[in-house]
Structure formats: structure tokens, C-alpha cells
């Protein structure tokens, strides 16, 4: 009777590693094409009581999460971020908050095996500056 030899565990592990590398490459290509995965947009338009010059703004920063997103790290303070754009008597018009995992965010998450999960947050909108 002929006995078949099986591959060693090292060869099976190498094949498994190659599968993970190929999967990572596919995820990175898809992420690059669509410009970010797991994207969420929230738009809010408050009641504006003044008229005046509309000043657009945009701010981008990173929100930190740990343990596959189960724990929040230090979160950016929107009020502090917008303070540099606001002057006395200004009102915030339409504001859109976009959260997404960029290609870089995804790579960092994969390298840390999900321990650290950065999320890119973009805040853009309009400030209504009253006429003097």
C-alpha cells in the first residue's frame, strides 16, 4: 500500500500567511478606489437668525478607538476645533460631519491587529458672519 506524505505545518502556515497578505492587498486596493470605507455623513442645518457673509470652513482630525472600537480614546472637541473660525456674534450655518476609515487608518488597524482603530473625521460647513 502506498503511503501519502502530508505537508508539514510550516508549509500550511506559509500558505495561510500568503492568503492574509493577498486579502490585505485586496482591501487596500478597494479602500484606495472608494476613498475610504465605513463612511458616515451627518448634516445639520440649524435655524439661523442673522444674515451676512457666508464663510466656509473645513477641519480634519483623527478620533482614536481601542480594542476594535470597543473603547474610545481621547476624542476631538468640536467646540475647540471650531473656535478658531468663529468670531463674536457669528452663527454656524449648515455643518456636515464625515467619519471614515481611510486607507492609512485601515492599514494601521490591520498592523495593530485591531488594538488601535483611528478614524478620520472631517467637519465642514458655513459660518454666518453678521454685517457690521
N, C-alpha and C. Protein backbone atom coordinates (compact mmCIF):
# COMPACT_ATOMS: atom_id res chain seq x y z
N UNK A 1 0.83 -1.16 0.00
CA UNK A 1 0.00 0.00 0.00
C UNK A 1 0.89 1.24 0.00
N UNK A 2 0.50 2.22 -0.77
CA UNK A 2 1.29 3.46 -0.90
C UNK A 2 0.86 4.46 0.16
N UNK A 3 1.83 4.99 0.89
CA UNK A 3 1.53 5.98 1.92
C UNK A 3 1.79 7.37 1.37
N UNK A 4 0.80 8.22 1.52
CA UNK A 4 0.93 9.60 1.04
C UNK A 4 1.57 10.46 2.12
N UNK A 5 2.50 11.29 1.72
CA UNK A 5 3.14 12.20 2.67
C UNK A 5 2.36 13.51 2.72
N UNK A 6 2.18 14.05 3.91
CA UNK A 6 1.48 15.32 4.09
C UNK A 6 2.50 16.43 4.26
N UNK A 7 2.08 17.59 3.85
CA UNK A 7 2.94 18.76 4.04
C UNK A 7 3.10 19.03 5.53
N UNK A 8 4.22 19.62 5.86
CA UNK A 8 4.46 19.98 7.26
C UNK A 8 3.65 21.21 7.66
N UNK A 9 3.53 21.42 8.94
CA UNK A 9 2.78 22.56 9.44
C UNK A 9 3.36 23.88 8.94
N UNK A 10 4.66 23.94 8.74
CA UNK A 10 5.30 25.17 8.26
C UNK A 10 4.78 25.58 6.89
N UNK A 11 4.57 24.61 6.02
CA UNK A 11 4.06 24.92 4.69
C UNK A 11 2.61 25.39 4.76
N UNK A 12 1.82 24.81 5.62
CA UNK A 12 0.43 25.22 5.77
C UNK A 12 0.37 26.64 6.32
N UNK A 13 1.24 26.96 7.28
CA UNK A 13 1.28 28.30 7.84
C UNK A 13 1.71 29.31 6.79
N UNK A 14 2.65 28.94 5.93
CA UNK A 14 3.10 29.85 4.88
C UNK A 14 1.97 30.15 3.91
N UNK A 15 1.19 29.14 3.56
CA UNK A 15 0.06 29.34 2.65
C UNK A 15 -0.97 30.25 3.33
N UNK A 16 -1.23 30.04 4.60
CA UNK A 16 -2.17 30.88 5.34
C UNK A 16 -1.70 32.34 5.39
N UNK A 17 -0.41 32.54 5.55
CA UNK A 17 0.16 33.89 5.58
C UNK A 17 0.00 34.57 4.22
N UNK A 18 0.23 33.82 3.16
CA UNK A 18 0.08 34.36 1.81
C UNK A 18 -1.38 34.77 1.57
N UNK A 19 -2.32 33.98 2.04
CA UNK A 19 -3.74 34.30 1.89
C UNK A 19 -4.04 35.62 2.60
N UNK A 20 -3.51 35.81 3.82
CA UNK A 20 -3.74 37.06 4.56
C UNK A 20 -3.13 38.26 3.84
N UNK A 21 -1.94 38.09 3.28
CA UNK A 21 -1.29 39.19 2.56
C UNK A 21 -2.10 39.56 1.32
N UNK A 22 -2.59 38.59 0.60
CA UNK A 22 -3.41 38.85 -0.59
C UNK A 22 -4.72 39.53 -0.18
N UNK A 23 -5.34 39.07 0.90
CA UNK A 23 -6.58 39.69 1.38
C UNK A 23 -6.33 41.14 1.78
N UNK A 24 -5.23 41.40 2.45
CA UNK A 24 -4.87 42.77 2.84
C UNK A 24 -4.66 43.64 1.60
N UNK A 25 -4.00 43.12 0.59
CA UNK A 25 -3.77 43.87 -0.64
C UNK A 25 -5.10 44.20 -1.32
N UNK A 26 -6.01 43.26 -1.35
CA UNK A 26 -7.32 43.49 -1.96
C UNK A 26 -8.08 44.57 -1.19
N UNK A 27 -8.07 44.50 0.14
CA UNK A 27 -8.74 45.51 0.96
C UNK A 27 -8.14 46.89 0.71
N UNK A 28 -6.81 46.97 0.63
CA UNK A 28 -6.14 48.26 0.42
C UNK A 28 -6.50 48.85 -0.95
N UNK A 29 -6.56 48.01 -1.98
CA UNK A 29 -6.90 48.50 -3.32
C UNK A 29 -8.34 49.00 -3.33
N UNK A 30 -9.25 48.25 -2.75
CA UNK A 30 -10.66 48.67 -2.71
C UNK A 30 -10.80 49.97 -1.94
N UNK A 31 -10.11 50.08 -0.80
CA UNK A 31 -10.16 51.30 0.01
C UNK A 31 -9.62 52.48 -0.77
N UNK A 32 -8.54 52.29 -1.50
CA UNK A 32 -7.96 53.38 -2.29
C UNK A 32 -8.92 53.84 -3.39
N UNK A 33 -9.62 52.89 -4.00
CA UNK A 33 -10.53 53.22 -5.09
C UNK A 33 -11.74 54.02 -4.59
N UNK A 34 -12.33 53.60 -3.48
CA UNK A 34 -13.54 54.27 -2.99
C UNK A 34 -13.24 55.43 -2.06
N UNK A 35 -11.97 55.65 -1.71
CA UNK A 35 -11.61 56.82 -0.90
C UNK A 35 -11.93 56.67 0.57
N UNK A 36 -12.11 55.51 1.05
CA UNK A 36 -12.41 55.28 2.46
C UNK A 36 -13.59 54.35 2.60
N UNK A 37 -13.50 53.48 3.58
CA UNK A 37 -14.60 52.56 3.80
C UNK A 37 -15.31 52.93 5.09
N UNK A 38 -16.42 52.33 5.32
CA UNK A 38 -17.20 52.58 6.53
C UNK A 38 -17.39 54.08 6.73
N UNK A 39 -17.90 54.72 5.73
CA UNK A 39 -18.06 56.18 5.72
C UNK A 39 -19.44 56.56 6.23
N UNK A 40 -19.51 57.60 7.06
CA UNK A 40 -20.78 58.11 7.58
C UNK A 40 -20.80 59.62 7.46
N UNK A 41 -21.86 60.17 6.88
CA UNK A 41 -22.05 61.62 6.79
C UNK A 41 -23.27 62.00 7.61
N UNK A 42 -23.13 63.06 8.41
CA UNK A 42 -24.25 63.62 9.16
C UNK A 42 -24.29 65.11 8.87
N UNK A 43 -25.43 65.61 8.39
CA UNK A 43 -25.57 67.04 8.09
C UNK A 43 -26.63 67.64 9.00
N UNK A 44 -26.31 68.82 9.53
CA UNK A 44 -27.22 69.52 10.43
C UNK A 44 -27.33 70.97 9.97
N UNK A 45 -28.55 71.45 9.85
CA UNK A 45 -28.79 72.85 9.47
C UNK A 45 -29.63 73.50 10.56
N UNK A 46 -28.98 74.30 11.42
CA UNK A 46 -29.74 74.97 12.48
C UNK A 46 -30.51 76.17 11.95
N UNK A 47 -31.44 76.67 12.75
CA UNK A 47 -32.18 77.87 12.38
C UNK A 47 -31.24 79.07 12.56
N UNK A 48 -30.95 79.76 11.48
CA UNK A 48 -30.05 80.91 11.53
C UNK A 48 -30.89 82.18 11.68
N UNK A 49 -30.50 83.03 12.65
CA UNK A 49 -31.30 84.23 12.92
C UNK A 49 -30.63 85.50 12.42
N UNK A 50 -29.44 85.38 11.83
CA UNK A 50 -28.76 86.57 11.31
C UNK A 50 -28.51 86.40 9.82
N UNK A 51 -28.29 87.51 9.14
CA UNK A 51 -27.88 87.47 7.74
C UNK A 51 -26.51 88.10 7.66
N UNK A 52 -25.79 87.74 6.65
CA UNK A 52 -24.45 88.31 6.49
C UNK A 52 -23.62 87.48 5.55
N UNK A 53 -22.34 87.65 5.67
CA UNK A 53 -21.37 86.96 4.81
C UNK A 53 -21.26 85.50 5.22
N UNK A 54 -21.29 84.60 4.23
CA UNK A 54 -21.14 83.17 4.49
C UNK A 54 -19.67 82.81 4.33
N UNK A 55 -19.09 82.27 5.40
CA UNK A 55 -17.66 81.90 5.40
C UNK A 55 -17.57 80.38 5.53
N UNK A 56 -17.08 79.70 4.47
CA UNK A 56 -16.96 78.24 4.56
C UNK A 56 -15.74 77.85 5.40
N UNK A 57 -15.82 76.68 6.03
CA UNK A 57 -14.67 76.16 6.77
C UNK A 57 -14.62 74.64 6.61
N UNK A 58 -13.43 74.10 6.84
CA UNK A 58 -13.25 72.65 6.82
C UNK A 58 -12.11 72.30 7.76
N UNK A 59 -12.32 71.30 8.58
CA UNK A 59 -11.33 70.87 9.56
C UNK A 59 -11.28 69.35 9.53
N UNK A 60 -10.06 68.78 9.54
CA UNK A 60 -9.91 67.32 9.53
C UNK A 60 -9.05 66.91 10.70
N UNK A 61 -9.47 65.85 11.40
CA UNK A 61 -8.71 65.36 12.55
C UNK A 61 -8.99 63.88 12.73
N UNK A 62 -8.33 63.28 13.72
CA UNK A 62 -8.45 61.85 13.94
C UNK A 62 -9.10 61.57 15.29
N UNK A 63 -10.07 60.67 15.29
CA UNK A 63 -10.68 60.17 16.52
C UNK A 63 -10.05 58.80 16.80
N UNK A 64 -9.69 58.56 18.04
CA UNK A 64 -8.98 57.33 18.39
C UNK A 64 -9.91 56.34 19.09
N UNK A 65 -9.81 55.08 18.69
CA UNK A 65 -10.57 53.99 19.31
C UNK A 65 -9.61 52.84 19.60
N UNK A 66 -9.95 52.04 20.59
CA UNK A 66 -9.10 50.92 21.01
C UNK A 66 -9.91 49.63 21.06
N UNK A 67 -9.22 48.52 20.98
CA UNK A 67 -9.83 47.19 21.07
C UNK A 67 -11.00 47.03 20.10
N UNK A 68 -10.68 47.18 18.83
CA UNK A 68 -11.64 47.01 17.73
C UNK A 68 -12.83 47.96 17.87
N UNK A 69 -12.61 49.13 18.46
CA UNK A 69 -13.66 50.13 18.58
C UNK A 69 -14.50 50.02 19.82
N UNK A 70 -14.19 49.07 20.69
CA UNK A 70 -14.99 48.89 21.91
C UNK A 70 -14.71 49.98 22.95
N UNK A 71 -13.51 50.58 22.90
CA UNK A 71 -13.16 51.64 23.85
C UNK A 71 -12.78 52.89 23.08
N UNK A 72 -13.31 54.03 23.53
CA UNK A 72 -12.94 55.29 22.90
C UNK A 72 -11.69 55.83 23.57
N UNK A 73 -10.81 56.37 22.73
CA UNK A 73 -9.67 57.09 23.26
C UNK A 73 -10.06 58.55 23.39
N UNK A 74 -9.07 59.42 23.47
CA UNK A 74 -9.37 60.84 23.56
C UNK A 74 -10.05 61.29 22.27
N UNK A 75 -11.22 61.89 22.40
CA UNK A 75 -11.98 62.33 21.24
C UNK A 75 -11.77 63.82 21.01
N UNK A 76 -11.68 64.24 19.76
CA UNK A 76 -11.51 65.66 19.47
C UNK A 76 -12.72 66.48 19.91
N UNK A 77 -12.46 67.65 20.42
CA UNK A 77 -13.52 68.55 20.89
C UNK A 77 -13.90 69.48 19.74
N UNK A 78 -15.10 69.32 19.22
CA UNK A 78 -15.57 70.10 18.07
C UNK A 78 -15.63 71.58 18.40
N UNK A 79 -16.03 71.91 19.61
CA UNK A 79 -16.13 73.31 20.02
C UNK A 79 -14.75 73.99 19.97
N UNK A 80 -13.72 73.30 20.44
CA UNK A 80 -12.36 73.84 20.41
C UNK A 80 -11.86 73.96 18.98
N UNK A 81 -12.16 72.95 18.16
CA UNK A 81 -11.71 72.97 16.75
C UNK A 81 -12.34 74.11 15.97
N UNK A 82 -13.60 74.43 16.26
CA UNK A 82 -14.29 75.48 15.51
C UNK A 82 -14.01 76.88 16.05
N UNK A 83 -13.48 76.96 17.27
CA UNK A 83 -13.26 78.26 17.91
C UNK A 83 -12.35 79.16 17.07
N UNK A 84 -11.42 78.56 16.34
CA UNK A 84 -10.51 79.39 15.53
C UNK A 84 -11.19 80.03 14.32
N UNK A 85 -12.36 79.55 13.96
CA UNK A 85 -13.10 80.11 12.82
C UNK A 85 -14.16 81.12 13.27
N UNK A 86 -14.63 80.98 14.51
CA UNK A 86 -15.74 81.80 14.98
C UNK A 86 -15.28 83.12 15.59
N UNK A 87 -16.04 84.17 15.31
CA UNK A 87 -15.83 85.48 15.91
C UNK A 87 -17.10 85.80 16.71
N UNK A 88 -17.03 86.81 17.61
CA UNK A 88 -18.24 87.15 18.36
C UNK A 88 -19.41 87.45 17.42
N UNK A 89 -20.58 87.00 17.80
CA UNK A 89 -21.85 87.18 17.06
C UNK A 89 -21.99 86.31 15.82
N UNK A 90 -21.00 85.49 15.49
CA UNK A 90 -21.13 84.56 14.36
C UNK A 90 -22.11 83.46 14.72
N UNK A 91 -22.76 82.90 13.71
CA UNK A 91 -23.61 81.73 13.89
C UNK A 91 -23.16 80.65 12.92
N UNK A 92 -23.28 79.43 13.35
CA UNK A 92 -22.93 78.30 12.49
C UNK A 92 -24.12 77.98 11.62
N UNK A 93 -23.88 77.94 10.31
CA UNK A 93 -24.93 77.55 9.37
C UNK A 93 -24.93 76.04 9.22
N UNK A 94 -25.02 75.56 8.02
CA UNK A 94 -25.00 74.13 7.76
C UNK A 94 -23.66 73.55 8.17
N UNK A 95 -23.70 72.39 8.81
CA UNK A 95 -22.46 71.71 9.21
C UNK A 95 -22.60 70.24 8.85
N UNK A 96 -21.55 69.68 8.25
CA UNK A 96 -21.53 68.27 7.88
C UNK A 96 -20.34 67.61 8.56
N UNK A 97 -20.60 66.51 9.24
CA UNK A 97 -19.54 65.74 9.90
C UNK A 97 -19.43 64.42 9.16
N UNK A 98 -18.23 64.14 8.65
CA UNK A 98 -17.98 62.92 7.89
C UNK A 98 -16.95 62.10 8.65
N UNK A 99 -17.28 60.86 8.97
CA UNK A 99 -16.30 59.95 9.57
C UNK A 99 -16.01 58.83 8.58
N UNK A 100 -14.75 58.48 8.46
CA UNK A 100 -14.41 57.38 7.55
C UNK A 100 -13.07 56.76 7.95
N UNK A 101 -12.93 55.51 7.55
CA UNK A 101 -11.67 54.80 7.72
C UNK A 101 -10.92 54.93 6.40
N UNK A 102 -9.86 55.73 6.40
CA UNK A 102 -9.07 55.90 5.18
C UNK A 102 -8.18 54.67 4.97
N UNK A 103 -7.47 54.65 3.86
CA UNK A 103 -6.56 53.56 3.60
C UNK A 103 -5.50 53.48 4.70
N UNK A 104 -5.00 54.63 5.14
CA UNK A 104 -4.00 54.66 6.20
C UNK A 104 -4.59 54.15 7.52
N UNK A 105 -5.82 54.59 7.83
CA UNK A 105 -6.49 54.10 9.05
C UNK A 105 -6.63 52.58 9.02
N UNK A 106 -7.04 52.05 7.89
CA UNK A 106 -7.22 50.61 7.76
C UNK A 106 -5.90 49.87 7.91
N UNK A 107 -4.85 50.39 7.31
CA UNK A 107 -3.52 49.75 7.42
C UNK A 107 -3.06 49.73 8.88
N UNK A 108 -3.20 50.86 9.58
CA UNK A 108 -2.79 50.94 10.99
C UNK A 108 -3.60 49.94 11.81
N UNK A 109 -4.90 49.85 11.55
CA UNK A 109 -5.75 48.91 12.28
C UNK A 109 -5.33 47.47 12.04
N UNK A 110 -4.98 47.15 10.80
CA UNK A 110 -4.55 45.78 10.48
C UNK A 110 -3.19 45.46 11.09
N UNK A 111 -2.26 46.42 11.04
CA UNK A 111 -0.92 46.19 11.60
C UNK A 111 -1.00 45.98 13.11
N UNK A 112 -1.90 46.71 13.79
CA UNK A 112 -2.04 46.57 15.24
C UNK A 112 -3.05 45.48 15.62
N UNK A 113 -3.51 44.73 14.64
CA UNK A 113 -4.48 43.64 14.84
C UNK A 113 -5.75 44.12 15.54
N UNK A 114 -6.17 45.34 15.22
CA UNK A 114 -7.40 45.87 15.76
C UNK A 114 -7.28 46.47 17.15
N UNK A 115 -6.08 46.49 17.72
CA UNK A 115 -5.91 47.08 19.05
C UNK A 115 -6.14 48.59 18.98
N UNK A 116 -5.60 49.24 17.94
CA UNK A 116 -5.78 50.68 17.75
C UNK A 116 -6.55 50.91 16.47
N UNK A 117 -7.66 51.67 16.54
CA UNK A 117 -8.50 51.95 15.38
C UNK A 117 -8.67 53.45 15.20
N UNK A 118 -7.85 54.09 14.37
CA UNK A 118 -8.06 55.51 14.11
C UNK A 118 -9.19 55.72 13.11
N UNK A 119 -9.91 56.83 13.26
CA UNK A 119 -10.98 57.19 12.34
C UNK A 119 -10.77 58.64 11.94
N UNK A 120 -10.78 58.93 10.63
CA UNK A 120 -10.62 60.29 10.15
C UNK A 120 -11.97 60.99 10.18
N UNK A 121 -12.00 62.16 10.80
CA UNK A 121 -13.23 62.95 10.92
C UNK A 121 -13.02 64.26 10.18
N UNK A 122 -13.93 64.59 9.27
CA UNK A 122 -13.89 65.85 8.54
C UNK A 122 -15.16 66.62 8.87
N UNK A 123 -14.96 67.86 9.33
CA UNK A 123 -16.08 68.74 9.65
C UNK A 123 -16.03 69.90 8.67
N UNK A 124 -17.10 70.10 7.93
CA UNK A 124 -17.14 71.24 7.02
C UNK A 124 -18.51 71.90 7.12
N UNK A 125 -18.52 73.15 6.83
CA UNK A 125 -19.78 73.87 6.92
C UNK A 125 -19.63 75.34 6.61
N UNK A 126 -20.58 76.09 7.13
CA UNK A 126 -20.62 77.52 6.85
C UNK A 126 -20.82 78.28 8.16
N UNK A 127 -20.15 79.40 8.26
CA UNK A 127 -20.34 80.32 9.37
C UNK A 127 -20.99 81.57 8.81
N UNK A 128 -22.04 82.03 9.46
CA UNK A 128 -22.72 83.24 9.03
C UNK A 128 -22.15 84.40 9.87
N UNK A 129 -21.46 85.29 9.21
CA UNK A 129 -20.83 86.44 9.86
C UNK A 129 -21.71 87.66 9.64
N UNK A 130 -22.33 88.23 10.69
CA UNK A 130 -23.25 89.36 10.54
C UNK A 130 -22.57 90.57 9.92
N UNK A 131 -23.36 91.30 9.13
CA UNK A 131 -22.84 92.52 8.53
C UNK A 131 -22.73 93.58 9.61
N UNK A 132 -21.71 94.40 9.50
CA UNK A 132 -21.48 95.43 10.52
C UNK A 132 -22.14 96.73 10.17
